[in-house]
Amino acid sequence: MTDTVVKTDLESGRKSRLSPEIRRGLLGLGLGNTLEWYDWMVFGLLSAFIGPKFFPSHDPVAATLSALAVFAVGFAFRPLGGILLGTFADRIGRRRVMLWSIMMMAVTTLIIAVSPTYDQIGGAAGVILLVCRIIQGISTGVEAPLSTAHAVELVPEGREGFVAGVISFYVNAGILLASLVSWLSSLILGGAVMSDWGWRVPFIVGAAFGFVVVYLRRTLPETMKPEELADNSAKTVWGGVRRHWLSVLAITFVVGAAQAYNYAWNTGLPTAARSGFKEDATVVFALTTILGVVLVIGSLIISKVADGKSMSKWFLVTRALAIPSVFLMLLYVRPGIAGFAAVLLGGSVVLVLNMTLYNVVTSSLMPKNCRGAGTALGYGLGVAIFGGTASYLLVWLQSLNASWIFPVYVAVLSALSIVFYLLARKKNGIFIGS
């Protein structure tokens, strides 16, 4: 429970140690984020292999776009997950919903790993893949926003920067593992085997990891007090969401801009490199693995530097930096692994700054009694509208020789996220940190 947390000594500025129960809670919440991002990124990274297996086509780019379309469909169901599971989290508590979400992800990842292909069962293969992605979309619609809100509610006031860095570390660990496992699978098995059946290996690894996280989450502390749950009904929860509609809109754009930038760097650019420019897959996976290392180390550094600092100021500065940095993408417009590496790693610093802070910032915009529903809805809309379509949009624009449009699009999203955040903060205030 939250009363087991040792509070910060605000007068002296010293930060007290967290209790063992809270540390175990942060581990369970964090590893769930690792699994979510691992599974999600593996699908994007391996889409060039998955597409021809489930959506046969004479054109490999068309098959890849079909797989990326399924990738985007999963995002479309995130708002539904936010509405359903977010409401339950505010009504019955955080712990049980966190357990449900990770079980849904683990089971569907296992199904994808062993699913028959189009050659074996025809069009039903694509339907199975689509249903799994829908379920995963519902699961992840609440996983990231609620786990961050849960973590912030666990720790003492003033430690929001620490939570941002720690949760981001686990998120980036998932991204790194996705790249690392994909790269090692490609390196050990080779391109021909990866195209045949080797693409299944990363999904098997993810499924096994998922059931470990399910075990760890059984003992998560609950942050919703009995009296808070007793006072909350669906009507109360959604009444609060409606009153804070501007905050939900701000969350949508704060998340959407960060996710568009993130998926462009972690799936869109690698997919374009392999499918569009025919770069060597093993080298591409090696570079995305290096990017993962930068993100993991960077999030740990930010957890130290930002701990005890104003999240509002950090967010505004780092989001403003995203506007010019996204135009680095324009340097990669023709085949060449050096150009790909320069763009991928050159944008990594701004990427880690934005991906570390945005979920804690969004949690601060909603009051506790409707935080699960409000943050999950805004998060789901943000990733569905802007994040889930980013990879597809980037590859499609590249096929039309109009790559310049995408960085303009992300820059506009970033600017709008700043505007809506400032408006929501002025109208409703913030409920966590400063």
Protein backbone atom coordinates (compact mmCIF):
# COMPACT_ATOMS: atom_id res chain seq x y z
CA MET A 1 0.00 0.00 0.00
CA THR A 2 1.06 3.57 -0.42
CA ASP A 3 1.46 4.10 3.31
CA THR A 4 4.51 1.83 3.20
CA VAL A 5 6.42 4.46 1.25
CA VAL A 6 8.98 6.46 3.17
CA LYS A 7 8.20 10.09 2.32
CA THR A 8 10.69 12.64 1.11
CA ASP A 9 12.05 15.08 3.65
CA LEU A 10 10.87 18.20 1.80
CA GLU A 11 12.58 20.67 4.12
CA SER A 12 16.03 19.11 3.89
CA GLY A 13 15.60 18.05 0.27
CA ARG A 14 16.85 14.55 1.08
CA LYS A 15 15.29 11.64 -0.79
CA SER A 16 14.42 8.69 1.42
CA ARG A 17 14.91 5.09 0.38
CA LEU A 18 11.91 3.25 -1.02
CA SER A 19 10.58 0.27 0.90
CA PRO A 20 11.28 -3.26 -0.45
CA GLU A 21 7.58 -3.62 -1.29
CA ILE A 22 7.63 -0.50 -3.44
CA ARG A 23 10.83 -1.59 -5.17
CA ARG A 24 9.27 -4.95 -6.01
CA GLY A 25 6.22 -3.10 -7.28
CA LEU A 26 8.34 -0.91 -9.55
CA LEU A 27 10.10 -4.04 -10.85
CA GLY A 28 6.83 -5.74 -11.75
CA LEU A 29 5.44 -2.60 -13.38
CA GLY A 30 8.67 -1.89 -15.22
CA LEU A 31 9.13 -5.40 -16.61
CA GLY A 32 5.58 -5.28 -17.93
CA ASN A 33 6.60 -2.25 -19.96
CA THR A 34 9.66 -4.17 -21.15
CA LEU A 35 7.44 -6.98 -22.43
CA GLU A 36 4.93 -4.61 -24.04
CA TRP A 37 7.59 -2.76 -25.99
CA TYR A 38 9.56 -5.90 -26.82
CA ASP A 39 6.52 -7.60 -28.36
CA TRP A 40 5.33 -4.46 -30.10
CA MET A 41 8.74 -3.60 -31.58
CA VAL A 42 9.51 -7.17 -32.65
CA PHE A 43 6.43 -7.15 -34.86
CA GLY A 44 7.50 -3.89 -36.47
CA LEU A 45 11.12 -4.95 -36.91
CA LEU A 46 10.18 -8.30 -38.44
CA SER A 47 7.35 -6.99 -40.62
CA ALA A 48 9.43 -7.52 -43.76
CA PHE A 49 9.57 -11.25 -42.87
CA ILE A 50 6.03 -11.55 -41.50
CA GLY A 51 4.29 -9.84 -44.43
CA PRO A 52 5.06 -12.45 -47.11
CA LYS A 53 4.10 -15.29 -44.74
CA PHE A 54 0.64 -13.97 -43.91
CA PHE A 55 -0.10 -11.67 -46.87
CA PRO A 56 1.47 -13.20 -50.00
CA SER A 57 2.29 -10.79 -52.80
CA HIS A 58 4.69 -10.63 -55.75
CA ASP A 59 5.80 -7.24 -54.45
CA PRO A 60 7.74 -7.53 -51.15
CA VAL A 61 7.08 -3.86 -50.35
CA ALA A 62 3.32 -4.43 -50.71
CA ALA A 63 3.49 -7.47 -48.40
CA THR A 64 5.47 -5.44 -45.86
CA LEU A 65 2.91 -2.64 -46.01
CA SER A 66 0.16 -5.22 -45.37
CA ALA A 67 1.99 -6.36 -42.21
CA LEU A 68 2.47 -2.75 -41.14
CA ALA A 69 -1.24 -2.16 -41.69
CA VAL A 70 -1.97 -4.96 -39.18
CA PHE A 71 0.62 -3.30 -36.94
CA ALA A 72 -1.45 -0.10 -37.18
CA VAL A 73 -4.76 -1.92 -36.53
CA GLY A 74 -3.46 -2.93 -33.11
CA PHE A 75 -3.01 0.74 -32.35
CA ALA A 76 -6.58 1.49 -33.45
CA PHE A 77 -7.88 -0.67 -30.60
CA ARG A 78 -5.80 1.03 -27.91
CA PRO A 79 -8.50 3.62 -27.17
CA LEU A 80 -10.96 0.76 -26.54
CA GLY A 81 -8.46 -0.77 -24.13
CA GLY A 82 -8.10 2.58 -22.42
CA ILE A 83 -11.86 2.96 -22.05
CA LEU A 84 -12.50 -0.57 -20.77
CA LEU A 85 -9.44 -1.38 -18.69
CA GLY A 86 -8.81 2.21 -17.59
CA THR A 87 -12.32 2.41 -16.15
CA PHE A 88 -11.82 -0.90 -14.33
CA ALA A 89 -8.53 0.39 -12.91
CA ASP A 90 -10.32 3.38 -11.36
CA ARG A 91 -13.21 1.22 -10.09
CA ILE A 92 -11.59 -2.02 -8.86
CA GLY A 93 -7.96 -0.97 -8.44
CA ARG A 94 -4.71 -0.86 -10.36
CA ARG A 95 -3.23 -4.26 -9.44
CA ARG A 96 -5.78 -6.57 -11.04
CA VAL A 97 -5.90 -4.62 -14.29
CA MET A 98 -2.11 -4.63 -14.50
CA LEU A 99 -2.20 -8.42 -14.14
CA TRP A 100 -4.89 -8.82 -16.82
CA SER A 101 -3.06 -6.66 -19.34
CA ILE A 102 0.18 -8.61 -19.14
CA MET A 103 -1.61 -11.98 -19.38
CA MET A 104 -3.33 -10.83 -22.59
CA MET A 105 0.02 -9.82 -24.10
CA ALA A 106 1.82 -13.05 -23.13
CA VAL A 107 -0.88 -15.38 -24.50
CA THR A 108 -1.30 -13.59 -27.84
CA THR A 109 2.46 -13.41 -28.37
CA LEU A 110 2.62 -17.18 -27.94
CA ILE A 111 -0.18 -17.63 -30.47
CA ILE A 112 1.66 -15.49 -33.05
CA ALA A 113 4.81 -17.52 -32.43
CA VAL A 114 3.12 -20.82 -33.36
CA SER A 115 0.50 -19.54 -35.83
CA PRO A 116 0.29 -21.30 -39.22
CA THR A 117 1.03 -19.25 -42.34
CA TYR A 118 -1.01 -18.44 -45.44
CA ASP A 119 0.49 -21.39 -47.31
CA GLN A 120 -0.76 -23.73 -44.57
CA ILE A 121 -4.31 -22.50 -43.86
CA GLY A 122 -4.96 -19.73 -46.37
CA GLY A 123 -6.58 -16.43 -45.44
CA ALA A 124 -7.36 -17.63 -41.90
CA ALA A 125 -3.69 -17.07 -41.06
CA GLY A 126 -4.06 -13.33 -41.57
CA VAL A 127 -7.26 -13.33 -39.51
CA ILE A 128 -5.50 -15.03 -36.57
CA LEU A 129 -2.69 -12.51 -36.78
CA LEU A 130 -5.17 -9.64 -36.92
CA VAL A 131 -7.16 -10.88 -33.89
CA CYS A 132 -3.97 -11.25 -31.86
CA ARG A 133 -2.94 -7.71 -32.71
CA ILE A 134 -6.38 -6.42 -31.73
CA ILE A 135 -6.15 -8.10 -28.32
CA GLN A 136 -2.63 -6.77 -27.87
CA GLY A 137 -3.88 -3.31 -28.80
CA ILE A 138 -6.53 -3.50 -26.08
CA SER A 139 -3.90 -4.69 -23.59
CA THR A 140 -1.34 -2.02 -24.41
CA GLY A 141 -4.06 0.63 -24.39
CA VAL A 142 -3.79 0.62 -20.62
CA GLU A 143 -0.35 -0.91 -19.91
CA ALA A 144 1.95 2.07 -20.44
CA PRO A 145 -0.22 4.90 -19.03
CA LEU A 146 -1.57 2.95 -16.07
CA SER A 147 1.74 1.38 -15.08
CA THR A 148 3.32 4.84 -15.03
CA ALA A 149 0.42 6.29 -13.02
CA HIS A 150 0.62 3.31 -10.67
CA ALA A 151 4.35 3.83 -10.19
CA VAL A 152 3.97 7.57 -9.55
CA GLU A 153 1.29 6.82 -6.94
CA LEU A 154 3.61 4.34 -5.22
CA VAL A 155 6.61 6.61 -4.68
CA PRO A 156 6.95 9.71 -2.45
CA GLU A 157 5.96 13.12 -3.75
CA GLY A 158 8.79 14.78 -5.61
CA ARG A 159 10.20 11.54 -7.05
CA GLU A 160 8.37 11.80 -10.37
CA GLY A 161 11.62 12.32 -12.28
CA PHE A 162 12.99 9.11 -10.78
CA VAL A 163 9.88 7.21 -11.87
CA ALA A 164 10.11 8.70 -15.36
CA GLY A 165 13.67 7.48 -15.73
CA VAL A 166 13.08 4.05 -14.21
CA ILE A 167 9.95 3.25 -16.25
CA SER A 168 11.67 4.59 -19.36
CA PHE A 169 14.64 2.33 -18.61
CA TYR A 170 12.36 -0.70 -18.69
CA VAL A 171 10.62 0.55 -21.84
CA ASN A 172 13.95 1.07 -23.59
CA ALA A 173 15.17 -2.29 -22.34
CA GLY A 174 12.25 -3.81 -24.23
CA ILE A 175 13.18 -1.89 -27.38
CA LEU A 176 16.81 -2.96 -26.98
CA LEU A 177 15.90 -6.59 -26.42
CA ALA A 178 13.67 -6.56 -29.49
CA SER A 179 16.53 -5.29 -31.64
CA LEU A 180 19.09 -7.55 -29.96
CA VAL A 181 17.05 -10.74 -30.26
CA SER A 182 16.11 -9.91 -33.87
CA TRP A 183 19.74 -9.19 -34.72
CA LEU A 184 21.08 -12.34 -33.04
CA SER A 185 18.39 -14.46 -34.68
CA SER A 186 19.31 -13.01 -38.08
CA LEU A 187 23.03 -13.40 -37.42
CA ILE A 188 22.81 -17.01 -36.21
CA LEU A 189 20.08 -18.31 -38.50
CA GLY A 190 20.74 -16.26 -41.63
CA GLY A 191 18.37 -14.41 -43.91
CA ALA A 192 16.89 -17.46 -45.63
CA VAL A 193 15.97 -19.18 -42.36
CA MET A 194 14.60 -15.95 -40.91
CA SER A 195 12.29 -15.62 -43.91
CA ASP A 196 11.23 -19.25 -43.57
CA TRP A 197 10.66 -19.82 -39.83
CA GLY A 198 13.33 -17.93 -37.88
CA TRP A 199 11.06 -14.90 -37.42
CA ARG A 200 9.15 -17.02 -34.87
CA VAL A 201 12.10 -17.20 -32.46
CA PRO A 202 11.81 -13.62 -31.09
CA PHE A 203 8.08 -14.18 -30.46
CA ILE A 204 8.77 -17.40 -28.53
CA VAL A 205 11.28 -15.49 -26.38
CA GLY A 206 8.68 -12.79 -25.73
CA ALA A 207 5.98 -15.28 -24.74
CA ALA A 208 8.28 -17.02 -22.24
CA PHE A 209 9.27 -13.68 -20.72
CA GLY A 210 5.61 -12.69 -20.50
CA PHE A 211 4.68 -15.53 -18.20
CA VAL A 212 7.58 -14.59 -15.89
CA VAL A 213 6.15 -11.05 -15.63
CA VAL A 214 2.68 -12.46 -14.88
CA TYR A 215 4.21 -14.27 -11.90
CA LEU A 216 5.94 -11.11 -10.64
CA ARG A 217 2.80 -8.99 -10.90
CA ARG A 218 0.78 -11.21 -8.58
CA THR A 219 2.14 -9.26 -5.59
CA LEU A 220 1.86 -5.67 -6.88
CA PRO A 221 0.89 -3.16 -4.16
CA GLU A 222 -2.50 -1.47 -4.63
CA THR A 223 -2.53 2.35 -4.64
CA MET A 224 -6.30 2.89 -4.68
CA LYS A 225 -7.61 3.00 -1.11
CA PRO A 226 -10.84 1.11 -0.25
CA GLU A 227 -12.72 4.36 0.34
CA GLU A 228 -11.56 5.72 -3.03
CA LEU A 229 -12.82 2.61 -4.79
CA ALA A 230 -16.11 2.71 -2.87
CA ASP A 231 -16.76 6.28 -4.07
CA ASN A 232 -15.96 5.49 -7.71
CA SER A 233 -18.53 4.30 -10.23
CA ALA A 234 -18.37 4.33 -14.02
CA LYS A 235 -20.50 7.49 -13.94
CA THR A 236 -18.12 9.18 -11.49
CA VAL A 237 -15.04 8.17 -13.43
CA TRP A 238 -16.30 9.38 -16.80
CA GLY A 239 -17.80 12.49 -15.29
CA GLY A 240 -14.27 13.35 -14.17
CA VAL A 241 -12.90 12.57 -17.63
CA ARG A 242 -15.47 14.86 -19.26
CA ARG A 243 -14.65 17.70 -16.87
CA HIS A 244 -10.98 17.35 -17.80
CA TRP A 245 -11.53 16.95 -21.55
CA LEU A 246 -8.84 19.51 -22.34
CA SER A 247 -6.34 17.45 -20.37
CA VAL A 248 -7.32 14.34 -22.36
CA LEU A 249 -6.79 16.30 -25.58
CA ALA A 250 -3.37 17.45 -24.35
CA ILE A 251 -2.45 13.86 -23.42
CA THR A 252 -3.44 12.72 -26.91
CA PHE A 253 -1.02 15.14 -28.57
CA VAL A 254 1.75 14.78 -25.97
CA VAL A 255 1.71 11.02 -26.50
CA GLY A 256 1.04 11.16 -30.24
CA ALA A 257 4.00 13.39 -31.05
CA ALA A 258 6.40 11.32 -28.93
CA GLN A 259 5.15 8.08 -30.43
CA ALA A 260 5.32 9.33 -34.02
CA TYR A 261 8.95 10.29 -33.44
CA ASN A 262 9.65 7.01 -31.65
CA TYR A 263 8.11 4.64 -34.19
CA ALA A 264 9.71 6.51 -37.04
CA TRP A 265 13.11 5.93 -35.47
CA ASN A 266 12.61 2.41 -34.13
CA THR A 267 10.50 0.76 -36.84
CA GLY A 268 9.87 3.10 -39.77
CA LEU A 269 13.49 3.93 -40.58
CA PRO A 270 14.75 0.32 -40.14
CA THR A 271 11.87 -1.01 -42.26
CA ALA A 272 12.54 1.57 -44.97
CA ALA A 273 16.23 0.65 -44.89
CA ARG A 274 15.55 -3.07 -45.36
CA SER A 275 12.53 -3.01 -47.70
CA GLY A 276 12.95 0.25 -49.58
CA PHE A 277 16.73 0.65 -49.81
CA LYS A 278 17.65 -3.07 -49.52
CA GLU A 279 20.19 -2.53 -46.75
CA ASP A 280 21.68 -5.64 -45.12
CA ALA A 281 19.22 -6.79 -42.43
CA THR A 282 21.93 -7.93 -40.01
CA VAL A 283 23.67 -4.54 -40.14
CA VAL A 284 20.35 -2.72 -39.72
CA PHE A 285 19.51 -4.81 -36.64
CA ALA A 286 22.99 -4.13 -35.24
CA LEU A 287 22.44 -0.37 -35.55
CA THR A 288 18.98 -0.51 -33.98
CA THR A 289 20.57 -2.47 -31.13
CA ILE A 290 23.09 0.35 -30.63
CA LEU A 291 20.16 2.79 -30.59
CA GLY A 292 18.57 0.66 -27.87
CA VAL A 293 21.75 0.88 -25.78
CA VAL A 294 21.71 4.68 -26.10
CA LEU A 295 18.08 4.78 -24.95
CA VAL A 296 18.66 2.47 -21.97
CA ILE A 297 21.71 4.36 -20.71
CA GLY A 298 20.11 7.72 -21.41
CA SER A 299 16.98 6.92 -19.39
CA LEU A 300 19.10 5.96 -16.37
CA ILE A 301 21.00 9.24 -16.61
CA ILE A 302 17.75 11.21 -16.83
CA SER A 303 16.35 9.38 -13.78
CA LYS A 304 19.23 10.84 -11.77
CA VAL A 305 19.30 14.31 -13.30
CA ALA A 306 15.53 14.91 -13.37
CA ASP A 307 14.77 13.44 -9.91
CA GLY A 308 13.25 16.21 -7.80
CA LYS A 309 13.03 18.62 -10.73
CA SER A 310 9.98 20.20 -12.36
CA MET A 311 8.57 17.81 -14.96
CA SER A 312 6.71 20.67 -16.65
CA LYS A 313 9.88 22.57 -17.47
CA TRP A 314 11.72 19.45 -18.57
CA PHE A 315 8.87 18.48 -20.86
CA LEU A 316 8.58 21.89 -22.52
CA VAL A 317 12.31 22.13 -23.24
CA THR A 318 12.74 18.58 -24.55
CA ARG A 319 9.60 18.70 -26.67
CA ALA A 320 10.75 21.97 -28.24
CA LEU A 321 14.03 20.25 -29.17
CA ALA A 322 12.10 17.56 -31.04
CA ILE A 323 10.85 20.08 -33.61
CA PRO A 324 14.18 20.78 -35.36
CA SER A 325 15.76 17.37 -34.67
CA VAL A 326 13.13 15.38 -36.57
CA PHE A 327 14.37 16.95 -39.81
CA LEU A 328 17.49 14.80 -39.54
CA MET A 329 15.41 12.21 -41.38
CA LEU A 330 15.86 14.17 -44.59
CA LEU A 331 19.52 13.08 -44.65
CA TYR A 332 18.48 9.48 -45.40
CA VAL A 333 16.90 9.61 -48.85
CA ARG A 334 19.03 7.10 -50.76
CA PRO A 335 20.67 3.71 -50.09
CA GLY A 336 23.75 3.81 -47.86
CA ILE A 337 24.21 2.29 -44.44
CA ALA A 338 26.35 5.23 -43.27
CA GLY A 339 23.51 7.66 -43.92
CA PHE A 340 21.07 5.40 -42.11
CA ALA A 341 23.39 5.15 -39.09
CA ALA A 342 23.90 8.93 -38.96
CA VAL A 343 20.16 9.63 -38.94
CA LEU A 344 19.26 6.82 -36.55
CA LEU A 345 21.87 7.67 -33.92
CA GLY A 346 21.86 11.42 -34.51
CA GLY A 347 18.24 11.71 -33.37
CA SER A 348 18.68 9.35 -30.42
CA VAL A 349 19.45 12.00 -27.77
CA VAL A 350 16.26 13.97 -28.36
CA LEU A 351 14.35 10.71 -28.70
CA VAL A 352 15.41 9.46 -25.26
CA LEU A 353 14.59 12.82 -23.65
CA ASN A 354 11.05 12.79 -25.05
CA MET A 355 10.37 9.10 -24.45
CA THR A 356 11.53 9.32 -20.83
CA LEU A 357 9.22 12.09 -19.69
CA TYR A 358 5.95 11.98 -21.59
CA ASN A 359 4.03 9.35 -19.57
CA VAL A 360 4.74 10.97 -16.19
CA VAL A 361 3.76 14.33 -17.67
CA THR A 362 0.46 12.91 -18.91
CA SER A 363 -0.27 11.29 -15.53
CA SER A 364 0.09 14.70 -13.91
CA LEU A 365 -2.76 16.12 -15.98
CA MET A 366 -5.52 13.90 -14.50
CA PRO A 367 -6.85 13.64 -10.90
CA LYS A 368 -6.46 10.25 -9.20
CA ASN A 369 -10.13 9.21 -9.25
CA CYS A 370 -10.24 9.22 -13.09
CA ARG A 371 -6.52 8.97 -13.86
CA GLY A 372 -6.66 5.40 -15.16
CA ALA A 373 -9.46 6.10 -17.64
CA GLY A 374 -8.35 9.60 -18.63
CA THR A 375 -4.67 8.87 -19.24
CA ALA A 376 -5.40 5.54 -20.96
CA LEU A 377 -7.96 7.16 -23.28
CA GLY A 378 -5.63 10.00 -24.24
CA TYR A 379 -2.72 7.59 -24.61
CA GLY A 380 -4.77 5.21 -26.75
CA LEU A 381 -5.97 7.99 -29.03
CA GLY A 382 -2.45 9.38 -29.35
CA VAL A 383 -0.84 6.12 -30.38
CA ALA A 384 -3.78 5.06 -32.55
CA ILE A 385 -4.03 8.27 -34.54
CA PHE A 386 -0.38 9.31 -34.66
CA GLY A 387 1.94 6.56 -33.37
CA GLY A 388 0.48 3.47 -34.99
CA THR A 389 0.32 5.06 -38.43
CA ALA A 390 3.83 6.55 -38.32
CA SER A 391 5.74 3.55 -39.71
CA TYR A 392 3.23 2.98 -42.51
CA LEU A 393 3.13 6.68 -43.37
CA LEU A 394 6.91 6.95 -43.50
CA VAL A 395 7.38 3.92 -45.79
CA TRP A 396 4.46 5.02 -48.02
CA LEU A 397 5.77 8.58 -48.39
CA GLN A 398 9.20 7.20 -49.16
CA SER A 399 7.71 5.06 -51.94
CA LEU A 400 6.22 8.26 -53.41
CA ASN A 401 9.55 10.13 -53.15
CA ALA A 402 7.91 12.54 -50.70
CA SER A 403 9.94 11.75 -47.56
CA TRP A 404 10.15 15.42 -46.62
CA ILE A 405 6.48 15.47 -45.61
CA PHE A 406 6.96 13.19 -42.62
CA PRO A 407 9.34 15.36 -40.53
CA VAL A 408 7.07 18.36 -41.17
CA TYR A 409 4.16 16.27 -39.87
CA VAL A 410 6.02 15.25 -36.67
CA ALA A 411 7.26 18.82 -36.09
CA VAL A 412 3.67 20.14 -36.26
CA LEU A 413 2.50 17.43 -33.83
CA SER A 414 5.27 18.39 -31.40
CA ALA A 415 4.36 22.08 -31.54
CA LEU A 416 0.65 21.30 -30.99
CA SER A 417 1.50 19.10 -28.00
CA ILE A 418 3.21 22.06 -26.32
CA VAL A 419 0.24 24.34 -27.00
CA PHE A 420 -2.39 21.92 -25.69
CA TYR A 421 -0.28 21.05 -22.63
CA LEU A 422 0.01 24.72 -21.67
CA LEU A 423 -3.73 25.25 -22.18
CA ALA A 424 -4.66 22.20 -20.08
CA ARG A 425 -2.24 23.17 -17.31
CA LYS A 426 -3.71 26.67 -17.18
CA LYS A 427 -7.34 25.48 -17.13
CA ASN A 428 -7.17 22.37 -14.92
CA GLY A 429 -3.79 22.57 -13.19
CA ILE A 430 -1.55 19.57 -12.59
CA PHE A 431 -2.13 16.90 -9.96
CA ILE A 432 1.34 15.34 -9.64
CA GLY A 433 4.64 17.17 -9.25
CA SER A 434 5.17 20.68 -10.52
